[in-house]
Amino acid sequence: MPAQNYTKYQQNVIKRYYDNLDAIGLQRAQELVTELYLAEGKKRQKIWDTLAKNLAKAGVPAKQIENLREQDDPEQVAHLLTKKV
């Protein structure tokens, strides 16, 4: 939708969302690490898919995300996220 269809307030909300997209991705990734510790099987793979998307939003390079996923170690992800904060 074109920007003229939004009120000034709505435009500011949308702008703030995109300005803080990296922080939103980082926060969601932190939440997913907890779930990753507890998950097994197919659910664990689904969490990794979501976690990879949120790590990318947080500014983690794709190669590093792939490396973390291959190692499948939630502790390394948690360590990375503590350095990002």
C-alpha atoms as a PDB file:
ATOM      1  CA  MET A   1       0.000   0.000   0.000  1.00  0.00           C
ATOM      2  CA  PRO A   2       1.251   3.474  -0.759  1.00  0.00           C
ATOM      3  CA  ALA A   3       2.409   5.594   2.165  1.00  0.00           C
ATOM      4  CA  GLN A   4      -0.361   8.151   1.618  1.00  0.00           C
ATOM      5  CA  ASN A   5      -2.921   5.565   2.818  1.00  0.00           C
ATOM      6  CA  TYR A   6      -1.374   5.593   6.299  1.00  0.00           C
ATOM      7  CA  THR A   7      -1.803   8.267   8.924  1.00  0.00           C
ATOM      8  CA  LYS A   8       1.276  10.095  10.175  1.00  0.00           C
ATOM      9  CA  TYR A   9       1.118   8.039  13.387  1.00  0.00           C
ATOM     10  CA  GLN A  10       0.980   4.756  11.452  1.00  0.00           C
ATOM     11  CA  GLN A  11       3.906   5.839   9.279  1.00  0.00           C
ATOM     12  CA  ASN A  12       5.954   6.550  12.424  1.00  0.00           C
ATOM     13  CA  VAL A  13       5.075   3.141  13.902  1.00  0.00           C
ATOM     14  CA  ILE A  14       6.124   1.397  10.685  1.00  0.00           C
ATOM     15  CA  LYS A  15       9.354   3.412  10.543  1.00  0.00           C
ATOM     16  CA  ARG A  16      10.241   2.565  14.167  1.00  0.00           C
ATOM     17  CA  TYR A  17       9.582  -1.115  13.486  1.00  0.00           C
ATOM     18  CA  TYR A  18      12.036  -1.185  10.605  1.00  0.00           C
ATOM     19  CA  ASP A  19      14.549   0.944  12.518  1.00  0.00           C
ATOM     20  CA  ASN A  20      14.518  -1.631  15.328  1.00  0.00           C
ATOM     21  CA  LEU A  21      14.310  -4.776  13.202  1.00  0.00           C
ATOM     22  CA  ASP A  22      17.766  -5.955  14.318  1.00  0.00           C
ATOM     23  CA  ALA A  23      16.848  -5.622  18.007  1.00  0.00           C
ATOM     24  CA  ILE A  24      13.568  -7.440  17.398  1.00  0.00           C
ATOM     25  CA  GLY A  25      15.419 -10.280  15.655  1.00  0.00           C
ATOM     26  CA  LEU A  26      17.959 -10.474  18.470  1.00  0.00           C
ATOM     27  CA  GLN A  27      15.290 -10.664  21.154  1.00  0.00           C
ATOM     28  CA  ARG A  28      13.362 -13.385  19.310  1.00  0.00           C
ATOM     29  CA  ALA A  29      16.605 -15.336  18.743  1.00  0.00           C
ATOM     30  CA  GLN A  30      17.303 -15.232  22.478  1.00  0.00           C
ATOM     31  CA  GLU A  31      13.857 -16.671  23.160  1.00  0.00           C
ATOM     32  CA  LEU A  32      14.376 -19.420  20.594  1.00  0.00           C
ATOM     33  CA  VAL A  33      17.656 -20.575  22.160  1.00  0.00           C
ATOM     34  CA  THR A  34      15.710 -21.679  25.235  1.00  0.00           C
ATOM     35  CA  GLU A  35      13.295 -23.627  23.060  1.00  0.00           C
ATOM     36  CA  LEU A  36      16.221 -25.143  21.157  1.00  0.00           C
ATOM     37  CA  TYR A  37      17.683 -26.586  24.367  1.00  0.00           C
ATOM     38  CA  LEU A  38      14.446 -28.453  25.022  1.00  0.00           C
ATOM     39  CA  ALA A  39      13.455 -29.518  21.504  1.00  0.00           C
ATOM     40  CA  GLU A  40      14.145 -32.806  19.747  1.00  0.00           C
ATOM     41  CA  GLY A  41      13.617 -34.225  16.260  1.00  0.00           C
ATOM     42  CA  LYS A  42      11.513 -32.345  13.735  1.00  0.00           C
ATOM     43  CA  LYS A  43      10.573 -29.630  16.208  1.00  0.00           C
ATOM     44  CA  ARG A  44      14.290 -28.877  16.706  1.00  0.00           C
ATOM     45  CA  GLN A  45      14.759 -28.448  12.943  1.00  0.00           C
ATOM     46  CA  LYS A  46      11.759 -26.101  12.769  1.00  0.00           C
ATOM     47  CA  ILE A  47      13.199 -24.015  15.599  1.00  0.00           C
ATOM     48  CA  TRP A  48      16.542 -23.871  13.783  1.00  0.00           C
ATOM     49  CA  ASP A  49      14.753 -22.569  10.682  1.00  0.00           C
ATOM     50  CA  THR A  50      13.099 -19.787  12.666  1.00  0.00           C
ATOM     51  CA  LEU A  51      16.273 -19.082  14.633  1.00  0.00           C
ATOM     52  CA  ALA A  52      18.304 -18.727  11.430  1.00  0.00           C
ATOM     53  CA  LYS A  53      15.860 -16.112  10.110  1.00  0.00           C
ATOM     54  CA  ASN A  54      16.025 -14.138  13.352  1.00  0.00           C
ATOM     55  CA  LEU A  55      19.821 -14.335  13.523  1.00  0.00           C
ATOM     56  CA  ALA A  56      19.929 -12.904   9.997  1.00  0.00           C
ATOM     57  CA  LYS A  57      17.651 -10.051  11.105  1.00  0.00           C
ATOM     58  CA  ALA A  58      20.013  -9.454  14.028  1.00  0.00           C
ATOM     59  CA  GLY A  59      22.899  -9.002  11.594  1.00  0.00           C
ATOM     60  CA  VAL A  60      24.691 -12.347  11.939  1.00  0.00           C
ATOM     61  CA  PRO A  61      26.429 -13.343   8.677  1.00  0.00           C
ATOM     62  CA  ALA A  62      24.847 -16.243   6.762  1.00  0.00           C
ATOM     63  CA  LYS A  63      28.056 -18.276   6.836  1.00  0.00           C
ATOM     64  CA  GLN A  64      28.202 -18.034  10.627  1.00  0.00           C
ATOM     65  CA  ILE A  65      24.543 -19.037  10.905  1.00  0.00           C
ATOM     66  CA  GLU A  66      25.181 -22.088   8.718  1.00  0.00           C
ATOM     67  CA  ASN A  67      28.199 -23.015  10.836  1.00  0.00           C
ATOM     68  CA  LEU A  68      26.143 -22.777  14.042  1.00  0.00           C
ATOM     69  CA  ARG A  69      23.412 -24.877  12.504  1.00  0.00           C
ATOM     70  CA  GLU A  70      25.851 -27.591  11.423  1.00  0.00           C
ATOM     71  CA  GLN A  71      27.278 -27.788  14.944  1.00  0.00           C
ATOM     72  CA  ASP A  72      23.748 -27.884  16.410  1.00  0.00           C
ATOM     73  CA  ASP A  73      24.980 -26.532  19.756  1.00  0.00           C
ATOM     74  CA  PRO A  74      22.603 -24.130  21.540  1.00  0.00           C
ATOM     75  CA  GLU A  75      25.403 -23.052  23.911  1.00  0.00           C
ATOM     76  CA  GLN A  76      27.372 -21.544  21.028  1.00  0.00           C
ATOM     77  CA  VAL A  77      24.301 -19.670  19.833  1.00  0.00           C
ATOM     78  CA  ALA A  78      23.683 -18.374  23.354  1.00  0.00           C
ATOM     79  CA  HIS A  79      27.321 -17.270  23.606  1.00  0.00           C
ATOM     80  CA  LEU A  80      27.048 -15.442  20.276  1.00  0.00           C
ATOM     81  CA  LEU A  81      23.882 -13.680  21.390  1.00  0.00           C
ATOM     82  CA  THR A  82      25.446 -12.522  24.662  1.00  0.00           C
ATOM     83  CA  LYS A  83      28.245 -10.923  22.642  1.00  0.00           C
ATOM     84  CA  LYS A  84      25.662  -9.211  20.393  1.00  0.00           C
ATOM     85  CA  VAL A  85      23.880  -7.626  23.371  1.00  0.00           C
END
